[in-house]
Amino acid sequence: MTTITEQEPMVKATITTPSDREIRVERIFNAPRDRVWQAMTDPKLVAQWWGRGNKLVVERLEVERGGHWRFVEHAPEGVNGFEGRFREVTPPSRVVQTFEWDGMPGYVIVETATLEDLGDGRTRLVNTSLFHTTEERDGFLQSGMEGGMNESYAALDRLLAKLA
């Protein structure tokens, strides 16, 4: 006998393109801002959600201006490395960093993430990615990034609930 359980529908991020070189992602998490910040900056916690639930090796995570970060995701499709440098770190509300995928070296995105305390135990994350060209932005949008990002955010939801 098979039992079917109803699962909560995945909360999806809102994605917009405010300019010809930007992608803006907005997502609300049911956790206080300090907890979301911790999950985004503690290597042991990042490894539990960032890679869409796949094995993630956090090689470096120096959360300070000029600090280097590097994550390697081990997915069924293969191994993918991602890295960048922190340009601004303002705990627990703002991070500006570069983002580069090993598969396309030289294509650097500048990401600005802000965490807004909504005052009711929830946090709004707004992430704006700035690309060098419209073509780079459009290529990123067509790469499947939305699905992977929503999978990672769902994993972050599960981790935040566990940390509560």
C-alpha atoms as a PDB file:
ATOM      1  CA  MET A   1       0.000   0.000   0.000  1.00  0.00           C
ATOM      2  CA  THR A   2       1.362   3.397  -0.972  1.00  0.00           C
ATOM      3  CA  THR A   3       0.701   6.429   1.161  1.00  0.00           C
ATOM      4  CA  ILE A   4       0.625   9.779  -0.571  1.00  0.00           C
ATOM      5  CA  THR A   5       1.513  12.725   1.592  1.00  0.00           C
ATOM      6  CA  GLU A   6       0.679  16.268   0.676  1.00  0.00           C
ATOM      7  CA  GLN A   7       3.712  18.501   0.521  1.00  0.00           C
ATOM      8  CA  GLU A   8       3.714  22.250   0.904  1.00  0.00           C
ATOM      9  CA  PRO A   9       4.066  23.932  -2.469  1.00  0.00           C
ATOM     10  CA  MET A  10       7.525  25.369  -3.039  1.00  0.00           C
ATOM     11  CA  VAL A  11       7.655  29.087  -2.362  1.00  0.00           C
ATOM     12  CA  LYS A  12       9.177  30.669  -5.441  1.00  0.00           C
ATOM     13  CA  ALA A  13      11.290  33.759  -5.580  1.00  0.00           C
ATOM     14  CA  THR A  14      10.057  36.763  -7.547  1.00  0.00           C
ATOM     15  CA  ILE A  15      12.427  37.499 -10.432  1.00  0.00           C
ATOM     16  CA  THR A  16      12.414  40.784 -12.344  1.00  0.00           C
ATOM     17  CA  THR A  17      14.745  42.616 -14.726  1.00  0.00           C
ATOM     18  CA  PRO A  18      14.821  46.238 -13.517  1.00  0.00           C
ATOM     19  CA  SER A  19      17.340  47.255 -16.196  1.00  0.00           C
ATOM     20  CA  ASP A  20      18.893  45.757 -19.321  1.00  0.00           C
ATOM     21  CA  ARG A  21      21.868  44.453 -17.266  1.00  0.00           C
ATOM     22  CA  GLU A  22      20.211  43.386 -13.996  1.00  0.00           C
ATOM     23  CA  ILE A  23      18.287  40.519 -12.465  1.00  0.00           C
ATOM     24  CA  ARG A  24      16.468  41.221  -9.189  1.00  0.00           C
ATOM     25  CA  VAL A  25      15.379  38.303  -7.011  1.00  0.00           C
ATOM     26  CA  GLU A  26      13.127  38.753  -3.991  1.00  0.00           C
ATOM     27  CA  ARG A  27      12.246  36.018  -1.503  1.00  0.00           C
ATOM     28  CA  ILE A  28      10.761  36.049   2.008  1.00  0.00           C
ATOM     29  CA  PHE A  29      12.010  33.556   4.593  1.00  0.00           C
ATOM     30  CA  ASN A  30      10.119  32.578   7.750  1.00  0.00           C
ATOM     31  CA  ALA A  31      13.081  33.267  10.007  1.00  0.00           C
ATOM     32  CA  PRO A  32      14.597  36.269  11.773  1.00  0.00           C
ATOM     33  CA  ARG A  33      17.249  38.232   9.878  1.00  0.00           C
ATOM     34  CA  ASP A  34      20.105  37.160  12.194  1.00  0.00           C
ATOM     35  CA  ARG A  35      19.326  33.485  11.522  1.00  0.00           C
ATOM     36  CA  VAL A  36      19.185  34.035   7.735  1.00  0.00           C
ATOM     37  CA  TRP A  37      22.482  35.964   7.925  1.00  0.00           C
ATOM     38  CA  GLN A  38      24.070  33.110   9.886  1.00  0.00           C
ATOM     39  CA  ALA A  39      22.879  30.559   7.305  1.00  0.00           C
ATOM     40  CA  MET A  40      24.409  32.686   4.525  1.00  0.00           C
ATOM     41  CA  THR A  41      27.792  33.251   6.221  1.00  0.00           C
ATOM     42  CA  ASP A  42      28.591  30.141   8.301  1.00  0.00           C
ATOM     43  CA  PRO A  43      30.427  27.603   6.075  1.00  0.00           C
ATOM     44  CA  LYS A  44      28.869  24.602   7.864  1.00  0.00           C
ATOM     45  CA  LEU A  45      25.389  25.997   7.254  1.00  0.00           C
ATOM     46  CA  VAL A  46      26.019  27.187   3.679  1.00  0.00           C
ATOM     47  CA  ALA A  47      27.091  23.633   2.791  1.00  0.00           C
ATOM     48  CA  GLN A  48      23.632  22.401   3.809  1.00  0.00           C
ATOM     49  CA  TRP A  49      21.586  24.533   1.418  1.00  0.00           C
ATOM     50  CA  TRP A  50      23.536  26.407  -1.252  1.00  0.00           C
ATOM     51  CA  GLY A  51      24.038  23.519  -3.683  1.00  0.00           C
ATOM     52  CA  ARG A  52      20.359  22.691  -4.278  1.00  0.00           C
ATOM     53  CA  GLY A  53      20.661  19.827  -1.804  1.00  0.00           C
ATOM     54  CA  ASN A  54      23.653  18.314  -3.627  1.00  0.00           C
ATOM     55  CA  LYS A  55      26.955  17.787  -1.843  1.00  0.00           C
ATOM     56  CA  LEU A  56      28.666  21.173  -1.510  1.00  0.00           C
ATOM     57  CA  VAL A  57      32.262  21.683  -0.480  1.00  0.00           C
ATOM     58  CA  VAL A  58      32.912  25.155   0.927  1.00  0.00           C
ATOM     59  CA  GLU A  59      36.602  25.604   0.107  1.00  0.00           C
ATOM     60  CA  ARG A  60      36.735  29.216   1.313  1.00  0.00           C
ATOM     61  CA  LEU A  61      34.323  31.645   2.904  1.00  0.00           C
ATOM     62  CA  GLU A  62      36.102  34.750   4.173  1.00  0.00           C
ATOM     63  CA  VAL A  63      33.140  37.022   4.927  1.00  0.00           C
ATOM     64  CA  GLU A  64      34.965  40.368   5.012  1.00  0.00           C
ATOM     65  CA  ARG A  65      35.789  43.112   2.521  1.00  0.00           C
ATOM     66  CA  GLY A  66      38.314  41.648   0.061  1.00  0.00           C
ATOM     67  CA  GLY A  67      37.646  38.123   1.349  1.00  0.00           C
ATOM     68  CA  HIS A  68      37.500  35.200  -1.084  1.00  0.00           C
ATOM     69  CA  TRP A  69      34.724  32.622  -1.300  1.00  0.00           C
ATOM     70  CA  ARG A  70      34.740  29.368  -3.283  1.00  0.00           C
ATOM     71  CA  PHE A  71      32.108  26.617  -3.361  1.00  0.00           C
ATOM     72  CA  VAL A  72      32.231  23.349  -5.316  1.00  0.00           C
ATOM     73  CA  GLU A  73      28.936  21.570  -5.984  1.00  0.00           C
ATOM     74  CA  HIS A  74      28.960  17.839  -6.658  1.00  0.00           C
ATOM     75  CA  ALA A  75      25.753  17.247  -8.647  1.00  0.00           C
ATOM     76  CA  PRO A  76      24.604  14.167 -10.599  1.00  0.00           C
ATOM     77  CA  GLU A  77      25.371  16.144 -13.802  1.00  0.00           C
ATOM     78  CA  GLY A  78      28.940  16.830 -12.682  1.00  0.00           C
ATOM     79  CA  VAL A  79      31.119  19.071 -10.550  1.00  0.00           C
ATOM     80  CA  ASN A  80      30.728  22.857 -10.713  1.00  0.00           C
ATOM     81  CA  GLY A  81      32.885  25.462  -9.010  1.00  0.00           C
ATOM     82  CA  PHE A  82      31.768  28.986  -8.124  1.00  0.00           C
ATOM     83  CA  GLU A  83      33.769  31.789  -6.560  1.00  0.00           C
ATOM     84  CA  GLY A  84      34.173  35.465  -5.981  1.00  0.00           C
ATOM     85  CA  ARG A  85      35.353  38.245  -3.684  1.00  0.00           C
ATOM     86  CA  PHE A  86      33.479  40.246  -1.096  1.00  0.00           C
ATOM     87  CA  ARG A  87      33.343  43.969  -1.875  1.00  0.00           C
ATOM     88  CA  GLU A  88      31.173  45.004   1.073  1.00  0.00           C
ATOM     89  CA  VAL A  89      30.026  43.167   4.195  1.00  0.00           C
ATOM     90  CA  THR A  90      27.590  44.907   6.562  1.00  0.00           C
ATOM     91  CA  PRO A  91      26.236  42.333   9.054  1.00  0.00           C
ATOM     92  CA  PRO A  92      23.414  41.390   9.215  1.00  0.00           C
ATOM     93  CA  SER A  93      21.893  43.433   6.405  1.00  0.00           C
ATOM     94  CA  ARG A  94      24.037  43.664   3.259  1.00  0.00           C
ATOM     95  CA  VAL A  95      26.672  41.861   1.199  1.00  0.00           C
ATOM     96  CA  VAL A  96      28.162  42.898  -2.139  1.00  0.00           C
ATOM     97  CA  GLN A  97      30.264  40.242  -3.861  1.00  0.00           C
ATOM     98  CA  THR A  98      31.424  39.046  -7.238  1.00  0.00           C
ATOM     99  CA  PHE A  99      30.180  35.730  -8.632  1.00  0.00           C
ATOM    100  CA  GLU A 100      31.918  33.644 -11.281  1.00  0.00           C
ATOM    101  CA  TRP A 101      31.230  30.100 -12.510  1.00  0.00           C
ATOM    102  CA  ASP A 102      34.225  27.940 -13.453  1.00  0.00           C
ATOM    103  CA  GLY A 103      32.375  26.921 -16.631  1.00  0.00           C
ATOM    104  CA  MET A 104      32.504  30.499 -17.956  1.00  0.00           C
ATOM    105  CA  PRO A 105      35.672  32.144 -16.659  1.00  0.00           C
ATOM    106  CA  GLY A 106      35.850  35.898 -17.138  1.00  0.00           C
ATOM    107  CA  TYR A 107      32.082  36.400 -16.936  1.00  0.00           C
ATOM    108  CA  VAL A 108      31.851  38.125 -13.566  1.00  0.00           C
ATOM    109  CA  ILE A 109      28.556  39.149 -11.977  1.00  0.00           C
ATOM    110  CA  VAL A 110      28.350  41.721  -9.170  1.00  0.00           C
ATOM    111  CA  GLU A 111      25.707  40.642  -6.648  1.00  0.00           C
ATOM    112  CA  THR A 112      24.181  42.843  -3.960  1.00  0.00           C
ATOM    113  CA  ALA A 113      22.154  41.024  -1.294  1.00  0.00           C
ATOM    114  CA  THR A 114      20.119  42.888   1.293  1.00  0.00           C
ATOM    115  CA  LEU A 115      18.310  41.308   4.227  1.00  0.00           C
ATOM    116  CA  GLU A 116      15.330  43.265   5.549  1.00  0.00           C
ATOM    117  CA  ASP A 117      13.852  42.456   8.965  1.00  0.00           C
ATOM    118  CA  LEU A 118      10.086  42.504   8.406  1.00  0.00           C
ATOM    119  CA  GLY A 119       9.454  42.825  12.155  1.00  0.00           C
ATOM    120  CA  ASP A 120       7.304  39.700  12.426  1.00  0.00           C
ATOM    121  CA  GLY A 121      10.018  37.026  12.531  1.00  0.00           C
ATOM    122  CA  ARG A 122      10.375  37.008   8.743  1.00  0.00           C
ATOM    123  CA  THR A 123      13.151  38.317   6.509  1.00  0.00           C
ATOM    124  CA  ARG A 124      13.010  39.674   2.967  1.00  0.00           C
ATOM    125  CA  LEU A 125      16.082  38.820   0.885  1.00  0.00           C
ATOM    126  CA  VAL A 126      16.611  40.973  -2.195  1.00  0.00           C
ATOM    127  CA  ASN A 127      19.475  39.949  -4.458  1.00  0.00           C
ATOM    128  CA  THR A 128      20.388  42.120  -7.442  1.00  0.00           C
ATOM    129  CA  SER A 129      22.843  40.742  -9.990  1.00  0.00           C
ATOM    130  CA  LEU A 130      24.584  43.198 -12.312  1.00  0.00           C
ATOM    131  CA  PHE A 131      25.961  41.820 -15.581  1.00  0.00           C
ATOM    132  CA  HIS A 132      28.485  43.327 -17.982  1.00  0.00           C
ATOM    133  CA  THR A 133      26.078  43.126 -20.945  1.00  0.00           C
ATOM    134  CA  THR A 134      22.405  42.459 -21.689  1.00  0.00           C
ATOM    135  CA  GLU A 135      23.461  39.294 -23.535  1.00  0.00           C
ATOM    136  CA  GLU A 136      25.207  37.958 -20.420  1.00  0.00           C
ATOM    137  CA  ARG A 137      22.120  38.704 -18.316  1.00  0.00           C
ATOM    138  CA  ASP A 138      19.808  37.010 -20.808  1.00  0.00           C
ATOM    139  CA  GLY A 139      22.105  33.984 -21.080  1.00  0.00           C
ATOM    140  CA  PHE A 140      22.069  33.630 -17.290  1.00  0.00           C
ATOM    141  CA  LEU A 141      18.254  33.860 -17.228  1.00  0.00           C
ATOM    142  CA  GLN A 142      18.062  31.089 -19.852  1.00  0.00           C
ATOM    143  CA  SER A 143      20.609  28.852 -18.069  1.00  0.00           C
ATOM    144  CA  GLY A 144      18.136  27.275 -15.657  1.00  0.00           C
ATOM    145  CA  MET A 145      19.295  29.509 -12.797  1.00  0.00           C
ATOM    146  CA  GLU A 146      15.722  30.079 -11.630  1.00  0.00           C
ATOM    147  CA  GLY A 147      15.053  26.401 -10.937  1.00  0.00           C
ATOM    148  CA  GLY A 148      18.392  25.882  -9.200  1.00  0.00           C
ATOM    149  CA  MET A 149      17.972  29.020  -7.114  1.00  0.00           C
ATOM    150  CA  ASN A 150      14.464  28.017  -6.004  1.00  0.00           C
ATOM    151  CA  GLU A 151      15.758  24.540  -5.077  1.00  0.00           C
ATOM    152  CA  SER A 152      18.531  26.127  -2.987  1.00  0.00           C
ATOM    153  CA  TYR A 153      16.076  28.509  -1.314  1.00  0.00           C
ATOM    154  CA  ALA A 154      13.765  25.561  -0.486  1.00  0.00           C
ATOM    155  CA  ALA A 155      16.787  23.834   1.116  1.00  0.00           C
ATOM    156  CA  LEU A 156      17.471  27.077   3.028  1.00  0.00           C
ATOM    157  CA  ASP A 157      13.835  27.088   4.238  1.00  0.00           C
ATOM    158  CA  ARG A 158      14.310  23.555   5.609  1.00  0.00           C
ATOM    159  CA  LEU A 159      17.582  24.505   7.314  1.00  0.00           C
ATOM    160  CA  LEU A 160      16.101  27.671   8.871  1.00  0.00           C
ATOM    161  CA  ALA A 161      13.169  25.643  10.254  1.00  0.00           C
ATOM    162  CA  LYS A 162      15.635  23.151  11.751  1.00  0.00           C
ATOM    163  CA  LEU A 163      17.656  25.976  13.369  1.00  0.00           C
ATOM    164  CA  ALA A 164      14.522  27.513  14.960  1.00  0.00           C
END
